[in-house]
Amino acid sequence: MLRDTVVRRLAHEPFGWRPTTLEVRVRRYRCPGCGQVWRQDTSPAAEPRARLSRRGLRWALEALVTQHLTVARIADALGVAWTGW
């Protein structure tokens, strides 16, 4: 079994209104016999294919509901792009 790692970058809860990026090292495995590839489960940190960590998402929802911040302001605080429809 071969193994290497990839880095997954997630927008995380801001630290003092400064964007924070969470870097998660994900182990990747490959079966030498069949060539199948699979990765370590990162669901405790974020949903699959998500750009926000679970804590970043919670922070964004709390800011939207309790602090009445705009989505653009939240995206700016998280350091992610926001484009309206």
PDB file of N, CA and C in Angstrom:
ATOM      1  N   MET A   1       0.851  -1.170   0.000  1.00  0.00           N
ATOM      2  CA  MET A   1       0.000   0.000   0.000  1.00  0.00           C
ATOM      3  C   MET A   1       0.902   1.240   0.000  1.00  0.00           C
ATOM      4  N   LEU A   2       0.677   2.108  -0.950  1.00  0.00           N
ATOM      5  CA  LEU A   2       1.420   3.356  -1.047  1.00  0.00           C
ATOM      6  C   LEU A   2       0.655   4.454  -0.328  1.00  0.00           C
ATOM      7  N   ARG A   3       1.378   5.410   0.215  1.00  0.00           N
ATOM      8  CA  ARG A   3       0.726   6.483   0.958  1.00  0.00           C
ATOM      9  C   ARG A   3       1.421   7.804   0.681  1.00  0.00           C
ATOM     10  N   ASP A   4       0.636   8.853   0.551  1.00  0.00           N
ATOM     11  CA  ASP A   4       1.165  10.208   0.505  1.00  0.00           C
ATOM     12  C   ASP A   4       0.133  11.123   1.152  1.00  0.00           C
ATOM     13  N   THR A   5       0.384  12.407   1.161  1.00  0.00           N
ATOM     14  CA  THR A   5      -0.556  13.344   1.781  1.00  0.00           C
ATOM     15  C   THR A   5      -0.839  14.496   0.831  1.00  0.00           C
ATOM     16  N   VAL A   6      -2.013  15.054   0.982  1.00  0.00           N
ATOM     17  CA  VAL A   6      -2.387  16.280   0.286  1.00  0.00           C
ATOM     18  C   VAL A   6      -2.847  17.268   1.349  1.00  0.00           C
ATOM     19  N   VAL A   7      -2.739  18.537   1.058  1.00  0.00           N
ATOM     20  CA  VAL A   7      -3.155  19.571   2.002  1.00  0.00           C
ATOM     21  C   VAL A   7      -4.487  20.132   1.539  1.00  0.00           C
ATOM     22  N   ARG A   8      -5.445  20.143   2.435  1.00  0.00           N
ATOM     23  CA  ARG A   8      -6.760  20.719   2.163  1.00  0.00           C
ATOM     24  C   ARG A   8      -6.857  22.023   2.933  1.00  0.00           C
ATOM     25  N   ARG A   9      -7.126  23.104   2.228  1.00  0.00           N
ATOM     26  CA  ARG A   9      -7.217  24.429   2.849  1.00  0.00           C
ATOM     27  C   ARG A   9      -8.685  24.818   3.011  1.00  0.00           C
ATOM     28  N   LEU A  10      -9.037  25.194   4.234  1.00  0.00           N
ATOM     29  CA  LEU A  10     -10.406  25.565   4.549  1.00  0.00           C
ATOM     30  C   LEU A  10     -10.433  26.949   5.197  1.00  0.00           C
ATOM     31  N   ALA A  11     -11.392  27.780   4.781  1.00  0.00           N
ATOM     32  CA  ALA A  11     -11.597  29.054   5.461  1.00  0.00           C
ATOM     33  C   ALA A  11     -12.147  28.724   6.846  1.00  0.00           C
ATOM     34  N   HIS A  12     -11.565  29.335   7.870  1.00  0.00           N
ATOM     35  CA  HIS A  12     -11.897  29.004   9.254  1.00  0.00           C
ATOM     36  C   HIS A  12     -12.384  30.261   9.967  1.00  0.00           C
ATOM     37  N   GLU A  13     -12.846  30.093  11.176  1.00  0.00           N
ATOM     38  CA  GLU A  13     -13.334  31.206  11.986  1.00  0.00           C
ATOM     39  C   GLU A  13     -12.280  32.310  12.060  1.00  0.00           C
ATOM     40  N   PRO A  14     -12.659  33.571  11.784  1.00  0.00           N
ATOM     41  CA  PRO A  14     -11.685  34.667  11.837  1.00  0.00           C
ATOM     42  C   PRO A  14     -11.080  34.828  13.231  1.00  0.00           C
ATOM     43  N   PHE A  15      -9.853  35.278  13.248  1.00  0.00           N
ATOM     44  CA  PHE A  15      -9.158  35.564  14.501  1.00  0.00           C
ATOM     45  C   PHE A  15      -9.013  37.071  14.585  1.00  0.00           C
ATOM     46  N   GLY A  16      -9.841  37.702  15.410  1.00  0.00           N
ATOM     47  CA  GLY A  16      -9.799  39.162  15.513  1.00  0.00           C
ATOM     48  C   GLY A  16     -10.162  39.850  14.212  1.00  0.00           C
ATOM     49  N   TRP A  17     -11.130  39.351  13.494  1.00  0.00           N
ATOM     50  CA  TRP A  17     -11.591  39.859  12.205  1.00  0.00           C
ATOM     51  C   TRP A  17     -10.542  39.733  11.109  1.00  0.00           C
ATOM     52  N   ARG A  18      -9.566  38.876  11.322  1.00  0.00           N
ATOM     53  CA  ARG A  18      -8.589  38.596  10.263  1.00  0.00           C
ATOM     54  C   ARG A  18      -8.871  37.199   9.738  1.00  0.00           C
ATOM     55  N   PRO A  19      -8.926  37.047   8.423  1.00  0.00           N
ATOM     56  CA  PRO A  19      -9.213  35.728   7.852  1.00  0.00           C
ATOM     57  C   PRO A  19      -8.194  34.687   8.307  1.00  0.00           C
ATOM     58  N   THR A  20      -8.673  33.500   8.581  1.00  0.00           N
ATOM     59  CA  THR A  20      -7.838  32.395   9.032  1.00  0.00           C
ATOM     60  C   THR A  20      -8.055  31.204   8.109  1.00  0.00           C
ATOM     61  N   THR A  21      -6.964  30.567   7.722  1.00  0.00           N
ATOM     62  CA  THR A  21      -7.049  29.385   6.880  1.00  0.00           C
ATOM     63  C   THR A  21      -6.595  28.178   7.680  1.00  0.00           C
ATOM     64  N   LEU A  22      -7.426  27.160   7.690  1.00  0.00           N
ATOM     65  CA  LEU A  22      -7.110  25.911   8.361  1.00  0.00           C
ATOM     66  C   LEU A  22      -6.533  24.964   7.310  1.00  0.00           C
ATOM     67  N   GLU A  23      -5.321  24.487   7.537  1.00  0.00           N
ATOM     68  CA  GLU A  23      -4.696  23.546   6.619  1.00  0.00           C
ATOM     69  C   GLU A  23      -4.718  22.157   7.241  1.00  0.00           C
ATOM     70  N   VAL A  24      -5.393  21.249   6.568  1.00  0.00           N
ATOM     71  CA  VAL A  24      -5.547  19.889   7.056  1.00  0.00           C
ATOM     72  C   VAL A  24      -4.754  18.966   6.150  1.00  0.00           C
ATOM     73  N   ARG A  25      -3.849  18.195   6.731  1.00  0.00           N
ATOM     74  CA  ARG A  25      -3.116  17.194   5.954  1.00  0.00           C
ATOM     75  C   ARG A  25      -3.972  15.945   5.864  1.00  0.00           C
ATOM     76  N   VAL A  26      -4.260  15.539   4.646  1.00  0.00           N
ATOM     77  CA  VAL A  26      -5.119  14.388   4.399  1.00  0.00           C
ATOM     78  C   VAL A  26      -4.262  13.264   3.839  1.00  0.00           C
ATOM     79  N   ARG A  27      -4.280  12.128   4.508  1.00  0.00           N
ATOM     80  CA  ARG A  27      -3.534  10.975   4.010  1.00  0.00           C
ATOM     81  C   ARG A  27      -4.281  10.367   2.831  1.00  0.00           C
ATOM     82  N   ARG A  28      -3.515  10.006   1.804  1.00  0.00           N
ATOM     83  CA  ARG A  28      -4.090   9.392   0.613  1.00  0.00           C
ATOM     84  C   ARG A  28      -3.411   8.045   0.406  1.00  0.00           C
ATOM     85  N   TYR A  29      -4.212   7.018   0.189  1.00  0.00           N
ATOM     86  CA  TYR A  29      -3.699   5.657   0.046  1.00  0.00           C
ATOM     87  C   TYR A  29      -4.006   5.135  -1.353  1.00  0.00           C
ATOM     88  N   ARG A  30      -3.119   4.254  -1.858  1.00  0.00           N
ATOM     89  CA  ARG A  30      -3.333   3.617  -3.150  1.00  0.00           C
ATOM     90  C   ARG A  30      -2.985   2.143  -3.044  1.00  0.00           C
ATOM     91  N   CYS A  31      -3.884   1.296  -3.506  1.00  0.00           N
ATOM     92  CA  CYS A  31      -3.652  -0.140  -3.521  1.00  0.00           C
ATOM     93  C   CYS A  31      -2.761  -0.466  -4.716  1.00  0.00           C
ATOM     94  N   PRO A  32      -1.602  -1.092  -4.482  1.00  0.00           N
ATOM     95  CA  PRO A  32      -0.715  -1.403  -5.607  1.00  0.00           C
ATOM     96  C   PRO A  32      -1.295  -2.469  -6.542  1.00  0.00           C
ATOM     97  N   GLY A  33      -2.193  -3.291  -6.044  1.00  0.00           N
ATOM     98  CA  GLY A  33      -2.763  -4.344  -6.874  1.00  0.00           C
ATOM     99  C   GLY A  33      -3.792  -3.838  -7.868  1.00  0.00           C
ATOM    100  N   CYS A  34      -4.799  -3.113  -7.357  1.00  0.00           N
ATOM    101  CA  CYS A  34      -5.899  -2.672  -8.225  1.00  0.00           C
ATOM    102  C   CYS A  34      -5.821  -1.199  -8.603  1.00  0.00           C
ATOM    103  N   GLY A  35      -4.987  -0.423  -7.915  1.00  0.00           N
ATOM    104  CA  GLY A  35      -4.842   0.992  -8.230  1.00  0.00           C
ATOM    105  C   GLY A  35      -5.907   1.883  -7.609  1.00  0.00           C
ATOM    106  N   GLN A  36      -6.780   1.328  -6.783  1.00  0.00           N
ATOM    107  CA  GLN A  36      -7.823   2.131  -6.147  1.00  0.00           C
ATOM    108  C   GLN A  36      -7.200   3.133  -5.178  1.00  0.00           C
ATOM    109  N   VAL A  37      -7.732   4.348  -5.175  1.00  0.00           N
ATOM    110  CA  VAL A  37      -7.230   5.413  -4.305  1.00  0.00           C
ATOM    111  C   VAL A  37      -8.334   5.831  -3.352  1.00  0.00           C
ATOM    112  N   TRP A  38      -7.993   6.017  -2.081  1.00  0.00           N
ATOM    113  CA  TRP A  38      -8.942   6.553  -1.112  1.00  0.00           C
ATOM    114  C   TRP A  38      -8.212   7.463  -0.157  1.00  0.00           C
ATOM    115  N   ARG A  39      -8.986   8.339   0.489  1.00  0.00           N
ATOM    116  CA  ARG A  39      -8.421   9.345   1.390  1.00  0.00           C
ATOM    117  C   ARG A  39      -8.937   9.165   2.802  1.00  0.00           C
ATOM    118  N   GLN A  40      -8.192   9.742   3.716  1.00  0.00           N
ATOM    119  CA  GLN A  40      -8.590   9.775   5.122  1.00  0.00           C
ATOM    120  C   GLN A  40      -9.893  10.565   5.252  1.00  0.00           C
ATOM    121  N   ASP A  41     -10.737  10.166   6.176  1.00  0.00           N
ATOM    122  CA  ASP A  41     -12.010  10.843   6.398  1.00  0.00           C
ATOM    123  C   ASP A  41     -11.776  12.188   7.077  1.00  0.00           C
ATOM    124  N   THR A  42     -12.214  13.264   6.438  1.00  0.00           N
ATOM    125  CA  THR A  42     -12.069  14.603   7.010  1.00  0.00           C
ATOM    126  C   THR A  42     -13.416  15.207   7.382  1.00  0.00           C
ATOM    127  N   SER A  43     -14.452  14.390   7.468  1.00  0.00           N
ATOM    128  CA  SER A  43     -15.781  14.921   7.763  1.00  0.00           C
ATOM    129  C   SER A  43     -15.882  15.620   9.128  1.00  0.00           C
ATOM    130  N   PRO A  44     -15.075  15.290  10.145  1.00  0.00           N
ATOM    131  CA  PRO A  44     -15.158  16.095  11.377  1.00  0.00           C
ATOM    132  C   PRO A  44     -14.722  17.549  11.174  1.00  0.00           C
ATOM    133  N   ALA A  45     -13.861  17.817  10.201  1.00  0.00           N
ATOM    134  CA  ALA A  45     -13.393  19.184   9.954  1.00  0.00           C
ATOM    135  C   ALA A  45     -14.316  19.949   9.023  1.00  0.00           C
ATOM    136  N   ALA A  46     -14.843  19.275   7.983  1.00  0.00           N
ATOM    137  CA  ALA A  46     -15.699  19.939   6.998  1.00  0.00           C
ATOM    138  C   ALA A  46     -16.411  18.897   6.154  1.00  0.00           C
ATOM    139  N   GLU A  47     -17.485  19.326   5.531  1.00  0.00           N
ATOM    140  CA  GLU A  47     -18.197  18.467   4.592  1.00  0.00           C
ATOM    141  C   GLU A  47     -17.296  18.197   3.379  1.00  0.00           C
ATOM    142  N   PRO A  48     -17.519  17.099   2.679  1.00  0.00           N
ATOM    143  CA  PRO A  48     -16.738  16.850   1.467  1.00  0.00           C
ATOM    144  C   PRO A  48     -16.911  17.993   0.463  1.00  0.00           C
ATOM    145  N   ARG A  49     -15.826  18.412  -0.151  1.00  0.00           N
ATOM    146  CA  ARG A  49     -15.777  19.483  -1.154  1.00  0.00           C
ATOM    147  C   ARG A  49     -16.126  20.868  -0.614  1.00  0.00           C
ATOM    148  N   ALA A  50     -16.244  21.019   0.684  1.00  0.00           N
ATOM    149  CA  ALA A  50     -16.573  22.327   1.268  1.00  0.00           C
ATOM    150  C   ALA A  50     -15.334  23.211   1.282  1.00  0.00           C
ATOM    151  N   ARG A  51     -15.542  24.511   1.229  1.00  0.00           N
ATOM    152  CA  ARG A  51     -14.459  25.486   1.321  1.00  0.00           C
ATOM    153  C   ARG A  51     -14.365  26.097   2.711  1.00  0.00           C
ATOM    154  N   LEU A  52     -15.402  25.870   3.536  1.00  0.00           N
ATOM    155  CA  LEU A  52     -15.432  26.381   4.905  1.00  0.00           C
ATOM    156  C   LEU A  52     -15.332  25.230   5.890  1.00  0.00           C
ATOM    157  N   SER A  53     -14.584  25.456   6.962  1.00  0.00           N
ATOM    158  CA  SER A  53     -14.565  24.462   8.037  1.00  0.00           C
ATOM    159  C   SER A  53     -15.918  24.503   8.747  1.00  0.00           C
ATOM    160  N   ARG A  54     -16.187  23.473   9.535  1.00  0.00           N
ATOM    161  CA  ARG A  54     -17.456  23.466  10.271  1.00  0.00           C
ATOM    162  C   ARG A  54     -17.537  24.666  11.224  1.00  0.00           C
ATOM    163  N   ARG A  55     -16.438  25.005  11.870  1.00  0.00           N
ATOM    164  CA  ARG A  55     -16.437  26.147  12.799  1.00  0.00           C
ATOM    165  C   ARG A  55     -16.591  27.465  12.031  1.00  0.00           C
ATOM    166  N   GLY A  56     -15.996  27.559  10.848  1.00  0.00           N
ATOM    167  CA  GLY A  56     -16.162  28.750  10.019  1.00  0.00           C
ATOM    168  C   GLY A  56     -17.600  28.932   9.570  1.00  0.00           C
ATOM    169  N   LEU A  57     -18.246  27.835   9.222  1.00  0.00           N
ATOM    170  CA  LEU A  57     -19.646  27.890   8.825  1.00  0.00           C
ATOM    171  C   LEU A  57     -20.520  28.310   9.992  1.00  0.00           C
ATOM    172  N   ARG A  58     -20.237  27.758  11.165  1.00  0.00           N
ATOM    173  CA  ARG A  58     -21.021  28.138  12.355  1.00  0.00           C
ATOM    174  C   ARG A  58     -20.836  29.620  12.668  1.00  0.00           C
ATOM    175  N   TRP A  59     -19.598  30.108  12.581  1.00  0.00           N
ATOM    176  CA  TRP A  59     -19.327  31.521  12.826  1.00  0.00           C
ATOM    177  C   TRP A  59     -20.106  32.383  11.843  1.00  0.00           C
ATOM    178  N   ALA A  60     -20.121  31.986  10.574  1.00  0.00           N
ATOM    179  CA  ALA A  60     -20.827  32.759   9.550  1.00  0.00           C
ATOM    180  C   ALA A  60     -22.326  32.812   9.825  1.00  0.00           C
ATOM    181  N   LEU A  61     -22.899  31.683  10.200  1.00  0.00           N
ATOM    182  CA  LEU A  61     -24.333  31.668  10.492  1.00  0.00           C
ATOM    183  C   LEU A  61     -24.669  32.500  11.727  1.00  0.00           C
ATOM    184  N   GLU A  62     -23.827  32.421  12.753  1.00  0.00           N
ATOM    185  CA  GLU A  62     -24.055  33.240  13.952  1.00  0.00           C
ATOM    186  C   GLU A  62     -23.937  34.728  13.625  1.00  0.00           C
ATOM    187  N   ALA A  63     -22.966  35.087  12.797  1.00  0.00           N
ATOM    188  CA  ALA A  63     -22.788  36.490  12.416  1.00  0.00           C
ATOM    189  C   ALA A  63     -23.980  36.996  11.610  1.00  0.00           C
ATOM    190  N   LEU A  64     -24.517  36.151  10.767  1.00  0.00           N
ATOM    191  CA  LEU A  64     -25.668  36.529   9.951  1.00  0.00           C
ATOM    192  C   LEU A  64     -26.921  36.717  10.800  1.00  0.00           C
ATOM    193  N   VAL A  65     -27.162  35.799  11.721  1.00  0.00           N
ATOM    194  CA  VAL A  65     -28.401  35.809  12.490  1.00  0.00           C
ATOM    195  C   VAL A  65     -28.326  36.747  13.692  1.00  0.00           C
ATOM    196  N   THR A  66     -27.280  36.663  14.486  1.00  0.00           N
ATOM    197  CA  THR A  66     -27.249  37.437  15.731  1.00  0.00           C
ATOM    198  C   THR A  66     -26.629  38.821  15.572  1.00  0.00           C
ATOM    199  N   GLN A  67     -25.661  38.965  14.675  1.00  0.00           N
ATOM    200  CA  GLN A  67     -25.008  40.263  14.509  1.00  0.00           C
ATOM    201  C   GLN A  67     -25.534  41.032  13.297  1.00  0.00           C
ATOM    202  N   HIS A  68     -26.391  40.385  12.504  1.00  0.00           N
ATOM    203  CA  HIS A  68     -27.019  41.005  11.332  1.00  0.00           C
ATOM    204  C   HIS A  68     -25.991  41.532  10.334  1.00  0.00           C
ATOM    205  N   LEU A  69     -24.887  40.814  10.172  1.00  0.00           N
ATOM    206  CA  LEU A  69     -23.889  41.206   9.188  1.00  0.00           C
ATOM    207  C   LEU A  69     -24.354  40.802   7.791  1.00  0.00           C
ATOM    208  N   THR A  70     -23.906  41.534   6.798  1.00  0.00           N
ATOM    209  CA  THR A  70     -24.247  41.178   5.424  1.00  0.00           C
ATOM    210  C   THR A  70     -23.403  39.982   4.989  1.00  0.00           C
ATOM    211  N   VAL A  71     -23.862  39.301   3.968  1.00  0.00           N
ATOM    212  CA  VAL A  71     -23.129  38.152   3.456  1.00  0.00           C
ATOM    213  C   VAL A  71     -21.790  38.607   2.891  1.00  0.00           C
ATOM    214  N   ALA A  72     -21.760  39.765   2.268  1.00  0.00           N
ATOM    215  CA  ALA A  72     -20.502  40.287   1.738  1.00  0.00           C
ATOM    216  C   ALA A  72     -19.496  40.548   2.864  1.00  0.00           C
ATOM    217  N   ARG A  73     -19.953  41.083   3.984  1.00  0.00           N
ATOM    218  CA  ARG A  73     -19.065  41.350   5.129  1.00  0.00           C
ATOM    219  C   ARG A  73     -18.561  40.053   5.743  1.00  0.00           C
ATOM    220  N   ILE A  74     -19.428  39.054   5.815  1.00  0.00           N
ATOM    221  CA  ILE A  74     -19.039  37.751   6.349  1.00  0.00           C
ATOM    222  C   ILE A  74     -18.001  37.107   5.442  1.00  0.00           C
ATOM    223  N   ALA A  75     -18.237  37.151   4.135  1.00  0.00           N
ATOM    224  CA  ALA A  75     -17.278  36.579   3.181  1.00  0.00           C
ATOM    225  C   ALA A  75     -15.936  37.283   3.279  1.00  0.00           C
ATOM    226  N   ASP A  76     -15.956  38.595   3.458  1.00  0.00           N
ATOM    227  CA  ASP A  76     -14.708  39.353   3.609  1.00  0.00           C
ATOM    228  C   ASP A  76     -13.968  38.936   4.878  1.00  0.00           C
ATOM    229  N   ALA A  77     -14.692  38.752   5.967  1.00  0.00           N
ATOM    230  CA  ALA A  77     -14.069  38.348   7.232  1.00  0.00           C
ATOM    231  C   ALA A  77     -13.485  36.940   7.143  1.00  0.00           C
ATOM    232  N   LEU A  78     -14.133  36.077   6.369  1.00  0.00           N
ATOM    233  CA  LEU A  78     -13.636  34.709   6.206  1.00  0.00           C
ATOM    234  C   LEU A  78     -12.537  34.608   5.148  1.00  0.00           C
ATOM    235  N   GLY A  79     -12.396  35.644   4.328  1.00  0.00           N
ATOM    236  CA  GLY A  79     -11.371  35.615   3.281  1.00  0.00           C
ATOM    237  C   GLY A  79     -11.769  34.760   2.089  1.00  0.00           C
ATOM    238  N   VAL A  80     -13.059  34.679   1.818  1.00  0.00           N
ATOM    239  CA  VAL A  80     -13.541  33.924   0.668  1.00  0.00           C
ATOM    240  C   VAL A  80     -14.262  34.868  -0.286  1.00  0.00           C
ATOM    241  N   ALA A  81     -14.435  34.433  -1.520  1.00  0.00           N
ATOM    242  CA  ALA A  81     -15.101  35.265  -2.514  1.00  0.00           C
ATOM    243  C   ALA A  81     -16.611  35.146  -2.372  1.00  0.00           C
ATOM    244  N   TRP A  82     -17.293  36.246  -2.580  1.00  0.00           N
ATOM    245  CA  TRP A  82     -18.743  36.239  -2.597  1.00  0.00           C
ATOM    246  C   TRP A  82     -19.187  37.029  -3.815  1.00  0.00           C
ATOM    247  N   THR A  83     -19.965  36.410  -4.657  1.00  0.00           N
ATOM    248  CA  THR A  83     -20.540  37.104  -5.804  1.00  0.00           C
ATOM    249  C   THR A  83     -22.040  36.942  -5.740  1.00  0.00           C
ATOM    250  N   GLY A  84     -22.749  38.022  -5.851  1.00  0.00           N
ATOM    251  CA  GLY A  84     -24.214  37.978  -5.818  1.00  0.00           C
ATOM    252  C   GLY A  84     -24.768  37.377  -7.098  1.00  0.00           C
ATOM    253  N   TRP A  85     -26.054  37.101  -7.064  1.00  0.00           N
ATOM    254  CA  TRP A  85     -26.680  36.488  -8.247  1.00  0.00           C
ATOM    255  C   TRP A  85     -27.097  37.541  -9.221  1.00  0.00           C
TER     256      TRP A  85
END
